[in-house]
Amino acid sequence: MPAKPEKDKKPLICRCACPYCDVEMVVAENPYCEVCKVSFGRCDNCGSLIMEETLVVCHQCGKPLKKK
């Protein structure tokens, strides 16, 4: 019996505003504001967008964030 094909994971995409310039940006795998030239990270555990560099735990799941 052939193996069932795995469902393709859809990339995480959301619309949000840059916290520095308030310009709306489309966020995919590597969030980046074209205007400010600032990149944002994601939580390794839940994939939530991390907008502040000073956070030490994820605001969504509460897991500690790794500095990269």
PDB file of N, CA and C in Angstrom:
ATOM      1  N   MET A   1       0.848  -1.167   0.000  1.00  0.00           N
ATOM      2  CA  MET A   1       0.000   0.000   0.000  1.00  0.00           C
ATOM      3  C   MET A   1       0.903   1.242   0.000  1.00  0.00           C
ATOM      4  N   PRO A   2       0.677   2.189  -0.908  1.00  0.00           N
ATOM      5  CA  PRO A   2       1.530   3.385  -0.974  1.00  0.00           C
ATOM      6  C   PRO A   2       1.318   4.289   0.235  1.00  0.00           C
ATOM      7  N   ALA A   3       2.392   4.954   0.609  1.00  0.00           N
ATOM      8  CA  ALA A   3       2.323   5.878   1.754  1.00  0.00           C
ATOM      9  C   ALA A   3       1.493   7.098   1.371  1.00  0.00           C
ATOM     10  N   LYS A   4       0.784   7.597   2.343  1.00  0.00           N
ATOM     11  CA  LYS A   4      -0.025   8.791   2.110  1.00  0.00           C
ATOM     12  C   LYS A   4       0.898   9.999   2.016  1.00  0.00           C
ATOM     13  N   PRO A   5       0.675  10.856   1.046  1.00  0.00           N
ATOM     14  CA  PRO A   5       1.521  12.064   0.958  1.00  0.00           C
ATOM     15  C   PRO A   5       1.226  12.993   2.133  1.00  0.00           C
ATOM     16  N   GLU A   6       2.285  13.543   2.684  1.00  0.00           N
ATOM     17  CA  GLU A   6       2.112  14.483   3.790  1.00  0.00           C
ATOM     18  C   GLU A   6       1.538  15.788   3.269  1.00  0.00           C
ATOM     19  N   LYS A   7       0.715  16.404   4.081  1.00  0.00           N
ATOM     20  CA  LYS A   7       0.158  17.701   3.696  1.00  0.00           C
ATOM     21  C   LYS A   7       1.283  18.725   3.680  1.00  0.00           C
ATOM     22  N   ASP A   8       1.293  19.524   2.646  1.00  0.00           N
ATOM     23  CA  ASP A   8       2.301  20.577   2.554  1.00  0.00           C
ATOM     24  C   ASP A   8       2.064  21.593   3.650  1.00  0.00           C
ATOM     25  N   LYS A   9       3.131  21.933   4.352  1.00  0.00           N
ATOM     26  CA  LYS A   9       3.024  22.973   5.373  1.00  0.00           C
ATOM     27  C   LYS A   9       2.951  24.319   4.685  1.00  0.00           C
ATOM     28  N   LYS A  10       1.947  25.096   5.022  1.00  0.00           N
ATOM     29  CA  LYS A  10       1.834  26.437   4.461  1.00  0.00           C
ATOM     30  C   LYS A  10       2.743  27.360   5.260  1.00  0.00           C
ATOM     31  N   PRO A  11       3.450  28.253   4.589  1.00  0.00           N
ATOM     32  CA  PRO A  11       4.317  29.179   5.320  1.00  0.00           C
ATOM     33  C   PRO A  11       3.491  30.101   6.215  1.00  0.00           C
ATOM     34  N   LEU A  12       4.075  30.451   7.354  1.00  0.00           N
ATOM     35  CA  LEU A  12       3.426  31.365   8.285  1.00  0.00           C
ATOM     36  C   LEU A  12       3.377  32.744   7.647  1.00  0.00           C
ATOM     37  N   ILE A  13       2.188  33.223   7.355  1.00  0.00           N
ATOM     38  CA  ILE A  13       2.048  34.542   6.752  1.00  0.00           C
ATOM     39  C   ILE A  13       1.021  35.332   7.538  1.00  0.00           C
ATOM     40  N   CYS A  14       1.364  36.529   7.914  1.00  0.00           N
ATOM     41  CA  CYS A  14       0.425  37.397   8.604  1.00  0.00           C
ATOM     42  C   CYS A  14       0.714  38.828   8.170  1.00  0.00           C
ATOM     43  N   ARG A  15      -0.228  39.686   8.425  1.00  0.00           N
ATOM     44  CA  ARG A  15      -0.028  41.104   8.133  1.00  0.00           C
ATOM     45  C   ARG A  15       0.086  41.821   9.471  1.00  0.00           C
ATOM     46  N   CYS A  16       1.133  42.596   9.600  1.00  0.00           N
ATOM     47  CA  CYS A  16       1.297  43.376  10.818  1.00  0.00           C
ATOM     48  C   CYS A  16       2.083  44.637  10.484  1.00  0.00           C
ATOM     49  N   ALA A  17       2.104  45.551  11.427  1.00  0.00           N
ATOM     50  CA  ALA A  17       2.813  46.815  11.226  1.00  0.00           C
ATOM     51  C   ALA A  17       4.158  46.770  11.929  1.00  0.00           C
ATOM     52  N   CYS A  18       5.139  47.369  11.317  1.00  0.00           N
ATOM     53  CA  CYS A  18       6.462  47.492  11.924  1.00  0.00           C
ATOM     54  C   CYS A  18       6.320  48.358  13.175  1.00  0.00           C
ATOM     55  N   PRO A  19       6.886  47.934  14.308  1.00  0.00           N
ATOM     56  CA  PRO A  19       6.749  48.727  15.533  1.00  0.00           C
ATOM     57  C   PRO A  19       7.538  50.039  15.497  1.00  0.00           C
ATOM     58  N   TYR A  20       8.441  50.184  14.534  1.00  0.00           N
ATOM     59  CA  TYR A  20       9.272  51.377  14.464  1.00  0.00           C
ATOM     60  C   TYR A  20       8.698  52.440  13.531  1.00  0.00           C
ATOM     61  N   CYS A  21       8.169  52.027  12.373  1.00  0.00           N
ATOM     62  CA  CYS A  21       7.701  53.021  11.408  1.00  0.00           C
ATOM     63  C   CYS A  21       6.201  52.943  11.144  1.00  0.00           C
ATOM     64  N   ASP A  22       5.532  51.935  11.687  1.00  0.00           N
ATOM     65  CA  ASP A  22       4.079  51.752  11.555  1.00  0.00           C
ATOM     66  C   ASP A  22       3.625  51.446  10.134  1.00  0.00           C
ATOM     67  N   VAL A  23       4.527  51.061   9.258  1.00  0.00           N
ATOM     68  CA  VAL A  23       4.170  50.672   7.900  1.00  0.00           C
ATOM     69  C   VAL A  23       3.769  49.203   7.918  1.00  0.00           C
ATOM     70  N   GLU A  24       2.658  48.875   7.246  1.00  0.00           N
ATOM     71  CA  GLU A  24       2.216  47.491   7.198  1.00  0.00           C
ATOM     72  C   GLU A  24       3.195  46.671   6.380  1.00  0.00           C
ATOM     73  N   MET A  25       3.531  45.484   6.891  1.00  0.00           N
ATOM     74  CA  MET A  25       4.430  44.600   6.162  1.00  0.00           C
ATOM     75  C   MET A  25       3.814  43.215   6.101  1.00  0.00           C
ATOM     76  N   VAL A  26       4.044  42.515   5.004  1.00  0.00           N
ATOM     77  CA  VAL A  26       3.616  41.132   4.875  1.00  0.00           C
ATOM     78  C   VAL A  26       4.744  40.288   5.425  1.00  0.00           C
ATOM     79  N   VAL A  27       4.424  39.451   6.389  1.00  0.00           N
ATOM     80  CA  VAL A  27       5.442  38.687   7.094  1.00  0.00           C
ATOM     81  C   VAL A  27       5.368  37.228   6.677  1.00  0.00           C
ATOM     82  N   ALA A  28       6.478  36.676   6.235  1.00  0.00           N
ATOM     83  CA  ALA A  28       6.553  35.259   5.892  1.00  0.00           C
ATOM     84  C   ALA A  28       7.607  34.604   6.787  1.00  0.00           C
ATOM     85  N   GLU A  29       8.402  33.715   6.241  1.00  0.00           N
ATOM     86  CA  GLU A  29       9.408  33.003   7.027  1.00  0.00           C
ATOM     87  C   GLU A  29      10.402  33.935   7.716  1.00  0.00           C
ATOM     88  N   ASN A  30      10.918  34.910   6.994  1.00  0.00           N
ATOM     89  CA  ASN A  30      11.897  35.838   7.553  1.00  0.00           C
ATOM     90  C   ASN A  30      11.301  37.244   7.578  1.00  0.00           C
ATOM     91  N   PRO A  31      10.676  37.615   8.695  1.00  0.00           N
ATOM     92  CA  PRO A  31      10.053  38.936   8.769  1.00  0.00           C
ATOM     93  C   PRO A  31      11.089  40.048   8.609  1.00  0.00           C
ATOM     94  N   TYR A  32      10.770  41.034   7.774  1.00  0.00           N
ATOM     95  CA  TYR A  32      11.715  42.105   7.478  1.00  0.00           C
ATOM     96  C   TYR A  32      10.943  43.345   7.065  1.00  0.00           C
ATOM     97  N   CYS A  33      11.270  44.484   7.661  1.00  0.00           N
ATOM     98  CA  CYS A  33      10.648  45.747   7.269  1.00  0.00           C
ATOM     99  C   CYS A  33      11.515  46.388   6.197  1.00  0.00           C
ATOM    100  N   GLU A  34      10.946  46.566   5.019  1.00  0.00           N
ATOM    101  CA  GLU A  34      11.677  47.166   3.900  1.00  0.00           C
ATOM    102  C   GLU A  34      12.035  48.621   4.169  1.00  0.00           C
ATOM    103  N   VAL A  35      11.195  49.338   4.902  1.00  0.00           N
ATOM    104  CA  VAL A  35      11.417  50.761   5.161  1.00  0.00           C
ATOM    105  C   VAL A  35      12.533  50.969   6.178  1.00  0.00           C
ATOM    106  N   CYS A  36      12.446  50.275   7.319  1.00  0.00           N
ATOM    107  CA  CYS A  36      13.429  50.453   8.407  1.00  0.00           C
ATOM    108  C   CYS A  36      14.684  49.602   8.235  1.00  0.00           C
ATOM    109  N   LYS A  37      14.603  48.590   7.385  1.00  0.00           N
ATOM    110  CA  LYS A  37      15.704  47.635   7.219  1.00  0.00           C
ATOM    111  C   LYS A  37      15.974  46.864   8.505  1.00  0.00           C
ATOM    112  N   VAL A  38      14.886  46.488   9.198  1.00  0.00           N
ATOM    113  CA  VAL A  38      14.975  45.753  10.459  1.00  0.00           C
ATOM    114  C   VAL A  38      14.366  44.378  10.261  1.00  0.00           C
ATOM    115  N   SER A  39      15.038  43.343  10.769  1.00  0.00           N
ATOM    116  CA  SER A  39      14.473  41.994  10.690  1.00  0.00           C
ATOM    117  C   SER A  39      13.959  41.581  12.066  1.00  0.00           C
ATOM    118  N   PHE A  40      12.959  40.726  12.065  1.00  0.00           N
ATOM    119  CA  PHE A  40      12.339  40.265  13.300  1.00  0.00           C
ATOM    120  C   PHE A  40      12.461  38.755  13.375  1.00  0.00           C
ATOM    121  N   GLY A  41      12.380  38.223  14.575  1.00  0.00           N
ATOM    122  CA  GLY A  41      12.530  36.786  14.771  1.00  0.00           C
ATOM    123  C   GLY A  41      11.210  36.090  15.018  1.00  0.00           C
ATOM    124  N   ARG A  42      11.305  34.771  15.169  1.00  0.00           N
ATOM    125  CA  ARG A  42      10.153  33.938  15.497  1.00  0.00           C
ATOM    126  C   ARG A  42      10.528  33.028  16.653  1.00  0.00           C
ATOM    127  N   CYS A  43       9.526  32.659  17.421  1.00  0.00           N
ATOM    128  CA  CYS A  43       9.714  31.698  18.510  1.00  0.00           C
ATOM    129  C   CYS A  43       9.982  30.330  17.888  1.00  0.00           C
ATOM    130  N   ASP A  44      11.021  29.635  18.368  1.00  0.00           N
ATOM    131  CA  ASP A  44      11.336  28.306  17.848  1.00  0.00           C
ATOM    132  C   ASP A  44      10.267  27.289  18.217  1.00  0.00           C
ATOM    133  N   ASN A  45       9.543  27.536  19.300  1.00  0.00           N
ATOM    134  CA  ASN A  45       8.549  26.587  19.778  1.00  0.00           C
ATOM    135  C   ASN A  45       7.215  26.704  19.041  1.00  0.00           C
ATOM    136  N   CYS A  46       6.648  27.914  18.978  1.00  0.00           N
ATOM    137  CA  CYS A  46       5.301  28.073  18.407  1.00  0.00           C
ATOM    138  C   CYS A  46       5.271  28.864  17.104  1.00  0.00           C
ATOM    139  N   GLY A  47       6.370  29.514  16.726  1.00  0.00           N
ATOM    140  CA  GLY A  47       6.417  30.263  15.477  1.00  0.00           C
ATOM    141  C   GLY A  47       5.866  31.671  15.565  1.00  0.00           C
ATOM    142  N   SER A  48       5.538  32.113  16.765  1.00  0.00           N
ATOM    143  CA  SER A  48       4.986  33.460  16.951  1.00  0.00           C
ATOM    144  C   SER A  48       6.023  34.516  16.594  1.00  0.00           C
ATOM    145  N   LEU A  49       5.558  35.594  16.002  1.00  0.00           N
ATOM    146  CA  LEU A  49       6.435  36.688  15.602  1.00  0.00           C
ATOM    147  C   LEU A  49       6.924  37.448  16.829  1.00  0.00           C
ATOM    148  N   ILE A  50       8.235  37.641  16.952  1.00  0.00           N
ATOM    149  CA  ILE A  50       8.843  38.367  18.062  1.00  0.00           C
ATOM    150  C   ILE A  50       9.245  39.743  17.553  1.00  0.00           C
ATOM    151  N   MET A  51       8.552  40.769  18.030  1.00  0.00           N
ATOM    152  CA  MET A  51       8.769  42.129  17.540  1.00  0.00           C
ATOM    153  C   MET A  51       9.770  42.918  18.382  1.00  0.00           C
ATOM    154  N   GLU A  52      10.103  42.430  19.571  1.00  0.00           N
ATOM    155  CA  GLU A  52      11.014  43.169  20.450  1.00  0.00           C
ATOM    156  C   GLU A  52      12.254  42.334  20.731  1.00  0.00           C
ATOM    157  N   GLU A  53      13.422  42.938  20.590  1.00  0.00           N
ATOM    158  CA  GLU A  53      14.678  42.225  20.853  1.00  0.00           C
ATOM    159  C   GLU A  53      14.889  41.943  22.329  1.00  0.00           C
ATOM    160  N   THR A  54      14.234  42.700  23.203  1.00  0.00           N
ATOM    161  CA  THR A  54      14.473  42.578  24.634  1.00  0.00           C
ATOM    162  C   THR A  54      13.683  41.448  25.296  1.00  0.00           C
ATOM    163  N   LEU A  55      12.759  40.816  24.567  1.00  0.00           N
ATOM    164  CA  LEU A  55      11.969  39.739  25.157  1.00  0.00           C
ATOM    165  C   LEU A  55      12.842  38.528  25.445  1.00  0.00           C
ATOM    166  N   VAL A  56      12.628  37.896  26.586  1.00  0.00           N
ATOM    167  CA  VAL A  56      13.374  36.690  26.929  1.00  0.00           C
ATOM    168  C   VAL A  56      12.482  35.455  26.902  1.00  0.00           C
ATOM    169  N   VAL A  57      11.156  35.659  26.958  1.00  0.00           N
ATOM    170  CA  VAL A  57      10.201  34.561  26.813  1.00  0.00           C
ATOM    171  C   VAL A  57       9.163  34.939  25.762  1.00  0.00           C
ATOM    172  N   CYS A  58       8.630  33.941  25.096  1.00  0.00           N
ATOM    173  CA  CYS A  58       7.622  34.169  24.065  1.00  0.00           C
ATOM    174  C   CYS A  58       6.325  34.637  24.702  1.00  0.00           C
ATOM    175  N   HIS A  59       5.715  35.677  24.134  1.00  0.00           N
ATOM    176  CA  HIS A  59       4.454  36.203  24.668  1.00  0.00           C
ATOM    177  C   HIS A  59       3.296  35.262  24.374  1.00  0.00           C
ATOM    178  N   GLN A  60       3.449  34.350  23.408  1.00  0.00           N
ATOM    179  CA  GLN A  60       2.383  33.441  23.023  1.00  0.00           C
ATOM    180  C   GLN A  60       2.408  32.148  23.849  1.00  0.00           C
ATOM    181  N   CYS A  61       3.569  31.476  23.914  1.00  0.00           N
ATOM    182  CA  CYS A  61       3.640  30.163  24.567  1.00  0.00           C
ATOM    183  C   CYS A  61       4.406  30.179  25.890  1.00  0.00           C
ATOM    184  N   GLY A  62       5.166  31.243  26.173  1.00  0.00           N
ATOM    185  CA  GLY A  62       5.871  31.351  27.445  1.00  0.00           C
ATOM    186  C   GLY A  62       7.216  30.634  27.490  1.00  0.00           C
ATOM    187  N   LYS A  63       7.642  30.041  26.392  1.00  0.00           N
ATOM    188  CA  LYS A  63       8.938  29.345  26.367  1.00  0.00           C
ATOM    189  C   LYS A  63      10.072  30.366  26.241  1.00  0.00           C
ATOM    190  N   PRO A  64      11.253  30.058  26.827  1.00  0.00           N
ATOM    191  CA  PRO A  64      12.399  30.968  26.701  1.00  0.00           C
ATOM    192  C   PRO A  64      12.836  31.107  25.246  1.00  0.00           C
ATOM    193  N   LEU A  65      13.242  32.315  24.876  1.00  0.00           N
ATOM    194  CA  LEU A  65      13.695  32.597  23.517  1.00  0.00           C
ATOM    195  C   LEU A  65      15.213  32.464  23.440  1.00  0.00           C
ATOM    196  N   LYS A  66      15.692  31.930  22.336  1.00  0.00           N
ATOM    197  CA  LYS A  66      17.135  31.800  22.119  1.00  0.00           C
ATOM    198  C   LYS A  66      17.639  33.021  21.392  1.00  0.00           C
ATOM    199  N   LYS A  67      18.737  33.567  21.834  1.00  0.00           N
ATOM    200  CA  LYS A  67      19.377  34.696  21.140  1.00  0.00           C
ATOM    201  C   LYS A  67      20.150  34.152  19.956  1.00  0.00           C
ATOM    202  N   LYS A  68      20.019  34.808  18.803  1.00  0.00           N
ATOM    203  CA  LYS A  68      20.721  34.344  17.595  1.00  0.00           C
ATOM    204  C   LYS A  68      21.710  35.359  17.144  1.00  0.00           C
TER     205      LYS A  68
END
